[in-house]
Amino acid sequence: ASRLVRKGLITRDEAVKLVEKKDYNV
């Protein structure tokens, strides 16, 4: 998600939502 933000493909707020949905959920 951080890479996508740096590339300008998503906003930081969008990245936060993706992280909260995905990161913990092995």
PDB file of all heavy atoms in Angstrom:
ATOM      1  N   ALA A   1       0.832  -1.204   0.000  1.00  0.00           N
ATOM      2  CA  ALA A   1       0.000   0.000   0.000  1.00  0.00           C
ATOM      3  C   ALA A   1       0.867   1.255   0.000  1.00  0.00           C
ATOM      4  O   ALA A   1       0.556   2.241  -0.681  1.00  0.00           O
ATOM      5  CB  ALA A   1      -0.932  -0.009   1.211  1.00  0.00           C
ATOM      6  N   SER A   2       1.974   1.207   0.747  1.00  0.00           N
ATOM      7  CA  SER A   2       2.881   2.356   0.780  1.00  0.00           C
ATOM      8  C   SER A   2       3.491   2.609  -0.601  1.00  0.00           C
ATOM      9  O   SER A   2       3.648   3.758  -1.021  1.00  0.00           O
ATOM     10  CB  SER A   2       3.985   2.123   1.805  1.00  0.00           C
ATOM     11  OG  SER A   2       3.457   2.069   3.119  1.00  0.00           O
ATOM     12  N   ARG A   3       3.824   1.542  -1.309  1.00  0.00           N
ATOM     13  CA  ARG A   3       4.367   1.703  -2.660  1.00  0.00           C
ATOM     14  C   ARG A   3       3.335   2.329  -3.589  1.00  0.00           C
ATOM     15  O   ARG A   3       3.673   3.187  -4.414  1.00  0.00           O
ATOM     16  CB  ARG A   3       4.807   0.344  -3.216  1.00  0.00           C
ATOM     17  CG  ARG A   3       5.929  -0.299  -2.440  1.00  0.00           C
ATOM     18  CD  ARG A   3       6.249  -1.691  -2.980  1.00  0.00           C
ATOM     19  NE  ARG A   3       7.000  -2.480  -2.010  1.00  0.00           N
ATOM     20  CZ  ARG A   3       7.394  -3.726  -2.198  1.00  0.00           C
ATOM     21  NH1 ARG A   3       7.107  -4.328  -3.354  1.00  0.00           N
ATOM     22  NH2 ARG A   3       8.065  -4.378  -1.270  1.00  0.00           N
ATOM     23  N   LEU A   4       2.078   1.903  -3.446  1.00  0.00           N
ATOM     24  CA  LEU A   4       1.023   2.468  -4.286  1.00  0.00           C
ATOM     25  C   LEU A   4       0.836   3.959  -4.022  1.00  0.00           C
ATOM     26  O   LEU A   4       0.597   4.745  -4.945  1.00  0.00           O
ATOM     27  CB  LEU A   4      -0.297   1.722  -4.042  1.00  0.00           C
ATOM     28  CG  LEU A   4      -0.337   0.252  -4.476  1.00  0.00           C
ATOM     29  CD1 LEU A   4      -1.691  -0.361  -4.116  1.00  0.00           C
ATOM     30  CD2 LEU A   4      -0.062   0.099  -5.965  1.00  0.00           C
ATOM     31  N   VAL A   5       0.958   4.355  -2.760  1.00  0.00           N
ATOM     32  CA  VAL A   5       0.856   5.781  -2.415  1.00  0.00           C
ATOM     33  C   VAL A   5       2.003   6.553  -3.061  1.00  0.00           C
ATOM     34  O   VAL A   5       1.801   7.625  -3.647  1.00  0.00           O
ATOM     35  CB  VAL A   5       0.870   5.974  -0.886  1.00  0.00           C
ATOM     36  CG1 VAL A   5       0.964   7.469  -0.541  1.00  0.00           C
ATOM     37  CG2 VAL A   5      -0.383   5.375  -0.248  1.00  0.00           C
ATOM     38  N   ARG A   6       3.226   6.019  -2.962  1.00  0.00           N
ATOM     39  CA  ARG A   6       4.393   6.706  -3.527  1.00  0.00           C
ATOM     40  C   ARG A   6       4.295   6.851  -5.042  1.00  0.00           C
ATOM     41  O   ARG A   6       4.806   7.814  -5.614  1.00  0.00           O
ATOM     42  CB  ARG A   6       5.678   5.945  -3.172  1.00  0.00           C
ATOM     43  CG  ARG A   6       6.001   5.967  -1.693  1.00  0.00           C
ATOM     44  CD  ARG A   6       7.223   5.126  -1.351  1.00  0.00           C
ATOM     45  NE  ARG A   6       7.203   4.813   0.070  1.00  0.00           N
ATOM     46  CZ  ARG A   6       7.363   3.603   0.581  1.00  0.00           C
ATOM     47  NH1 ARG A   6       7.581   2.567  -0.237  1.00  0.00           N
ATOM     48  NH2 ARG A   6       7.324   3.408   1.885  1.00  0.00           N
ATOM     49  N   LYS A   7       3.625   5.899  -5.684  1.00  0.00           N
ATOM     50  CA  LYS A   7       3.449   5.956  -7.141  1.00  0.00           C
ATOM     51  C   LYS A   7       2.274   6.860  -7.531  1.00  0.00           C
ATOM     52  O   LYS A   7       2.022   7.082  -8.711  1.00  0.00           O
ATOM     53  CB  LYS A   7       3.213   4.553  -7.705  1.00  0.00           C
ATOM     54  CG  LYS A   7       4.360   3.580  -7.492  1.00  0.00           C
ATOM     55  CD  LYS A   7       3.997   2.195  -8.009  1.00  0.00           C
ATOM     56  CE  LYS A   7       4.932   1.116  -7.500  1.00  0.00           C
ATOM     57  NZ  LYS A   7       6.318   1.306  -7.903  1.00  0.00           N
ATOM     58  N   GLY A   8       1.537   7.349  -6.527  1.00  0.00           N
ATOM     59  CA  GLY A   8       0.392   8.200  -6.804  1.00  0.00           C
ATOM     60  C   GLY A   8      -0.829   7.445  -7.294  1.00  0.00           C
ATOM     61  O   GLY A   8      -1.747   8.039  -7.873  1.00  0.00           O
ATOM     62  N   LEU A   9      -0.883   6.133  -7.036  1.00  0.00           N
ATOM     63  CA  LEU A   9      -1.987   5.307  -7.538  1.00  0.00           C
ATOM     64  C   LEU A   9      -3.163   5.266  -6.573  1.00  0.00           C
ATOM     65  O   LEU A   9      -4.287   4.976  -6.981  1.00  0.00           O
ATOM     66  CB  LEU A   9      -1.495   3.882  -7.823  1.00  0.00           C
ATOM     67  CG  LEU A   9      -0.402   3.781  -8.895  1.00  0.00           C
ATOM     68  CD1 LEU A   9       0.094   2.350  -9.038  1.00  0.00           C
ATOM     69  CD2 LEU A   9      -0.945   4.288 -10.244  1.00  0.00           C
ATOM     70  N   ILE A  10      -2.901   5.486  -5.284  1.00  0.00           N
ATOM     71  CA  ILE A  10      -3.974   5.584  -4.286  1.00  0.00           C
ATOM     72  C   ILE A  10      -3.618   6.689  -3.303  1.00  0.00           C
ATOM     73  O   ILE A  10      -2.468   7.124  -3.226  1.00  0.00           O
ATOM     74  CB  ILE A  10      -4.191   4.250  -3.522  1.00  0.00           C
ATOM     75  CG1 ILE A  10      -2.940   3.864  -2.729  1.00  0.00           C
ATOM     76  CG2 ILE A  10      -4.603   3.136  -4.470  1.00  0.00           C
ATOM     77  CD1 ILE A  10      -3.133   2.649  -1.819  1.00  0.00           C
ATOM     78  N   THR A  11      -4.612   7.126  -2.541  1.00  0.00           N
ATOM     79  CA  THR A  11      -4.361   8.124  -1.514  1.00  0.00           C
ATOM     80  C   THR A  11      -3.927   7.446  -0.217  1.00  0.00           C
ATOM     81  O   THR A  11      -4.072   6.227  -0.060  1.00  0.00           O
ATOM     82  CB  THR A  11      -5.633   8.945  -1.224  1.00  0.00           C
ATOM     83  OG1 THR A  11      -6.630   8.075  -0.638  1.00  0.00           O
ATOM     84  CG2 THR A  11      -6.179   9.573  -2.501  1.00  0.00           C
ATOM     85  N   ARG A  12      -3.450   8.230   0.708  1.00  0.00           N
ATOM     86  CA  ARG A  12      -3.062   7.660   1.996  1.00  0.00           C
ATOM     87  C   ARG A  12      -4.270   7.085   2.721  1.00  0.00           C
ATOM     88  O   ARG A  12      -4.187   6.024   3.347  1.00  0.00           O
ATOM     89  CB  ARG A  12      -2.374   8.714   2.864  1.00  0.00           C
ATOM     90  CG  ARG A  12      -1.729   8.114   4.112  1.00  0.00           C
ATOM     91  CD  ARG A  12      -1.123   9.140   5.052  1.00  0.00           C
ATOM     92  NE  ARG A  12      -0.384   8.453   6.095  1.00  0.00           N
ATOM     93  CZ  ARG A  12      -0.930   7.844   7.141  1.00  0.00           C
ATOM     94  NH1 ARG A  12      -2.264   7.840   7.280  1.00  0.00           N
ATOM     95  NH2 ARG A  12      -0.196   7.228   8.054  1.00  0.00           N
ATOM     96  N   ASP A  13      -5.401   7.768   2.665  1.00  0.00           N
ATOM     97  CA  ASP A  13      -6.610   7.263   3.311  1.00  0.00           C
ATOM     98  C   ASP A  13      -7.029   5.917   2.730  1.00  0.00           C
ATOM     99  O   ASP A  13      -7.463   5.019   3.465  1.00  0.00           O
ATOM    100  CB  ASP A  13      -7.763   8.269   3.150  1.00  0.00           C
ATOM    101  CG  ASP A  13      -7.580   9.508   4.028  1.00  0.00           C
ATOM    102  OD1 ASP A  13      -6.758   9.451   4.966  1.00  0.00           O
ATOM    103  OD2 ASP A  13      -8.253  10.524   3.762  1.00  0.00           O
ATOM    104  N   GLU A  14      -6.909   5.772   1.424  1.00  0.00           N
ATOM    105  CA  GLU A  14      -7.231   4.484   0.795  1.00  0.00           C
ATOM    106  C   GLU A  14      -6.254   3.399   1.251  1.00  0.00           C
ATOM    107  O   GLU A  14      -6.642   2.240   1.466  1.00  0.00           O
ATOM    108  CB  GLU A  14      -7.190   4.629  -0.731  1.00  0.00           C
ATOM    109  CG  GLU A  14      -8.339   5.459  -1.286  1.00  0.00           C
ATOM    110  CD  GLU A  14      -8.167   5.781  -2.757  1.00  0.00           C
ATOM    111  OE1 GLU A  14      -7.013   5.916  -3.209  1.00  0.00           O
ATOM    112  OE2 GLU A  14      -9.194   5.890  -3.462  1.00  0.00           O
ATOM    113  N   ALA A  15      -4.995   3.782   1.416  1.00  0.00           N
ATOM    114  CA  ALA A  15      -3.989   2.828   1.883  1.00  0.00           C
ATOM    115  C   ALA A  15      -4.310   2.352   3.297  1.00  0.00           C
ATOM    116  O   ALA A  15      -4.175   1.160   3.606  1.00  0.00           O
ATOM    117  CB  ALA A  15      -2.603   3.468   1.841  1.00  0.00           C
ATOM    118  N   VAL A  16      -4.728   3.264   4.160  1.00  0.00           N
ATOM    119  CA  VAL A  16      -5.082   2.893   5.539  1.00  0.00           C
ATOM    120  C   VAL A  16      -6.188   1.847   5.541  1.00  0.00           C
ATOM    121  O   VAL A  16      -6.137   0.845   6.276  1.00  0.00           O
ATOM    122  CB  VAL A  16      -5.502   4.137   6.346  1.00  0.00           C
ATOM    123  CG1 VAL A  16      -6.146   3.728   7.680  1.00  0.00           C
ATOM    124  CG2 VAL A  16      -4.309   5.051   6.605  1.00  0.00           C
ATOM    125  N   LYS A  17      -7.194   2.030   4.715  1.00  0.00           N
ATOM    126  CA  LYS A  17      -8.319   1.081   4.662  1.00  0.00           C
ATOM    127  C   LYS A  17      -7.860  -0.295   4.194  1.00  0.00           C
ATOM    128  O   LYS A  17      -8.294  -1.316   4.731  1.00  0.00           O
ATOM    129  CB  LYS A  17      -9.412   1.625   3.735  1.00  0.00           C
ATOM    130  CG  LYS A  17     -10.125   2.854   4.289  1.00  0.00           C
ATOM    131  CD  LYS A  17     -11.148   3.392   3.289  1.00  0.00           C
ATOM    132  CE  LYS A  17     -11.824   4.646   3.837  1.00  0.00           C
ATOM    133  NZ  LYS A  17     -12.806   5.218   2.858  1.00  0.00           N
ATOM    134  N   LEU A  18      -6.973  -0.323   3.209  1.00  0.00           N
ATOM    135  CA  LEU A  18      -6.450  -1.595   2.722  1.00  0.00           C
ATOM    136  C   LEU A  18      -5.635  -2.303   3.800  1.00  0.00           C
ATOM    137  O   LEU A  18      -5.763  -3.520   4.002  1.00  0.00           O
ATOM    138  CB  LEU A  18      -5.571  -1.366   1.489  1.00  0.00           C
ATOM    139  CG  LEU A  18      -6.296  -1.002   0.196  1.00  0.00           C
ATOM    140  CD1 LEU A  18      -5.297  -0.595  -0.872  1.00  0.00           C
ATOM    141  CD2 LEU A  18      -7.136  -2.180  -0.299  1.00  0.00           C
ATOM    142  N   VAL A  19      -4.815  -1.544   4.502  1.00  0.00           N
ATOM    143  CA  VAL A  19      -3.975  -2.126   5.553  1.00  0.00           C
ATOM    144  C   VAL A  19      -4.828  -2.692   6.680  1.00  0.00           C
ATOM    145  O   VAL A  19      -4.576  -3.801   7.177  1.00  0.00           O
ATOM    146  CB  VAL A  19      -2.989  -1.068   6.089  1.00  0.00           C
ATOM    147  CG1 VAL A  19      -2.322  -1.554   7.378  1.00  0.00           C
ATOM    148  CG2 VAL A  19      -1.933  -0.741   5.043  1.00  0.00           C
ATOM    149  N   GLU A  20      -5.845  -1.949   7.105  1.00  0.00           N
ATOM    150  CA  GLU A  20      -6.684  -2.409   8.209  1.00  0.00           C
ATOM    151  C   GLU A  20      -7.507  -3.636   7.840  1.00  0.00           C
ATOM    152  O   GLU A  20      -7.866  -4.438   8.702  1.00  0.00           O
ATOM    153  CB  GLU A  20      -7.594  -1.269   8.678  1.00  0.00           C
ATOM    154  CG  GLU A  20      -6.803  -0.134   9.330  1.00  0.00           C
ATOM    155  CD  GLU A  20      -7.694   0.974   9.878  1.00  0.00           C
ATOM    156  OE1 GLU A  20      -8.927   0.925   9.638  1.00  0.00           O
ATOM    157  OE2 GLU A  20      -7.163   1.889  10.526  1.00  0.00           O
ATOM    158  N   LYS A  21      -7.758  -3.815   6.561  1.00  0.00           N
ATOM    159  CA  LYS A  21      -8.512  -4.977   6.104  1.00  0.00           C
ATOM    160  C   LYS A  21      -7.621  -6.200   5.900  1.00  0.00           C
ATOM    161  O   LYS A  21      -8.049  -7.343   6.142  1.00  0.00           O
ATOM    162  CB  LYS A  21      -9.222  -4.635   4.793  1.00  0.00           C
ATOM    163  CG  LYS A  21     -10.028  -5.784   4.201  1.00  0.00           C
ATOM    164  CD  LYS A  21     -10.684  -5.369   2.885  1.00  0.00           C
ATOM    165  CE  LYS A  21     -11.479  -6.533   2.287  1.00  0.00           C
ATOM    166  NZ  LYS A  21     -12.095  -6.154   0.985  1.00  0.00           N
ATOM    167  N   LYS A  22      -6.370  -5.978   5.493  1.00  0.00           N
ATOM    168  CA  LYS A  22      -5.542  -7.076   5.022  1.00  0.00           C
ATOM    169  C   LYS A  22      -4.388  -7.475   5.946  1.00  0.00           C
ATOM    170  O   LYS A  22      -4.071  -8.668   6.064  1.00  0.00           O
ATOM    171  CB  LYS A  22      -4.952  -6.715   3.652  1.00  0.00           C
ATOM    172  CG  LYS A  22      -5.980  -6.579   2.540  1.00  0.00           C
ATOM    173  CD  LYS A  22      -6.447  -7.944   2.069  1.00  0.00           C
ATOM    174  CE  LYS A  22      -7.319  -7.872   0.848  1.00  0.00           C
ATOM    175  NZ  LYS A  22      -7.711  -9.210   0.350  1.00  0.00           N
ATOM    176  N   ASP A  23      -3.717  -6.520   6.543  1.00  0.00           N
ATOM    177  CA  ASP A  23      -2.409  -6.792   7.131  1.00  0.00           C
ATOM    178  C   ASP A  23      -2.410  -7.889   8.205  1.00  0.00           C
ATOM    179  O   ASP A  23      -1.532  -8.746   8.235  1.00  0.00           O
ATOM    180  CB  ASP A  23      -1.831  -5.505   7.725  1.00  0.00           C
ATOM    181  CG  ASP A  23      -0.432  -5.222   7.208  1.00  0.00           C
ATOM    182  OD1 ASP A  23       0.047  -5.950   6.329  1.00  0.00           O
ATOM    183  OD2 ASP A  23       0.196  -4.262   7.683  1.00  0.00           O
ATOM    184  N   TYR A  24      -3.372  -7.857   9.078  1.00  0.00           N
ATOM    185  CA  TYR A  24      -3.394  -8.799  10.208  1.00  0.00           C
ATOM    186  C   TYR A  24      -3.874 -10.182   9.798  1.00  0.00           C
ATOM    187  O   TYR A  24      -3.593 -11.183  10.469  1.00  0.00           O
ATOM    188  CB  TYR A  24      -4.345  -8.273  11.295  1.00  0.00           C
ATOM    189  CG  TYR A  24      -5.805  -8.434  10.944  1.00  0.00           C
ATOM    190  CD1 TYR A  24      -6.532  -9.529  11.406  1.00  0.00           C
ATOM    191  CD2 TYR A  24      -6.455  -7.517  10.106  1.00  0.00           C
ATOM    192  CE1 TYR A  24      -7.873  -9.702  11.058  1.00  0.00           C
ATOM    193  CE2 TYR A  24      -7.774  -7.690   9.759  1.00  0.00           C
ATOM    194  CZ  TYR A  24      -8.482  -8.773  10.242  1.00  0.00           C
ATOM    195  OH  TYR A  24      -9.800  -8.950   9.883  1.00  0.00           O
ATOM    196  N   ASN A  25      -4.591 -10.270   8.670  1.00  0.00           N
ATOM    197  CA  ASN A  25      -5.437 -11.410   8.342  1.00  0.00           C
ATOM    198  C   ASN A  25      -4.686 -12.498   7.586  1.00  0.00           C
ATOM    199  O   ASN A  25      -4.938 -12.753   6.414  1.00  0.00           O
ATOM    200  CB  ASN A  25      -6.634 -10.904   7.514  1.00  0.00           C
ATOM    201  CG  ASN A  25      -7.737 -11.926   7.412  1.00  0.00           C
ATOM    202  OD1 ASN A  25      -7.817 -12.865   8.202  1.00  0.00           O
ATOM    203  ND2 ASN A  25      -8.606 -11.734   6.435  1.00  0.00           N
ATOM    204  N   VAL A  26      -3.745 -13.170   8.254  1.00  0.00           N
ATOM    205  CA  VAL A  26      -2.921 -14.168   7.581  1.00  0.00           C
ATOM    206  C   VAL A  26      -3.788 -15.299   7.036  1.00  0.00           C
ATOM    207  O   VAL A  26      -4.677 -15.811   7.715  1.00  0.00           O
ATOM    208  CB  VAL A  26      -1.836 -14.726   8.526  1.00  0.00           C
ATOM    209  CG1 VAL A  26      -2.427 -15.413   9.732  1.00  0.00           C
ATOM    210  CG2 VAL A  26      -0.893 -15.666   7.770  1.00  0.00           C
TER     211      VAL A  26
END
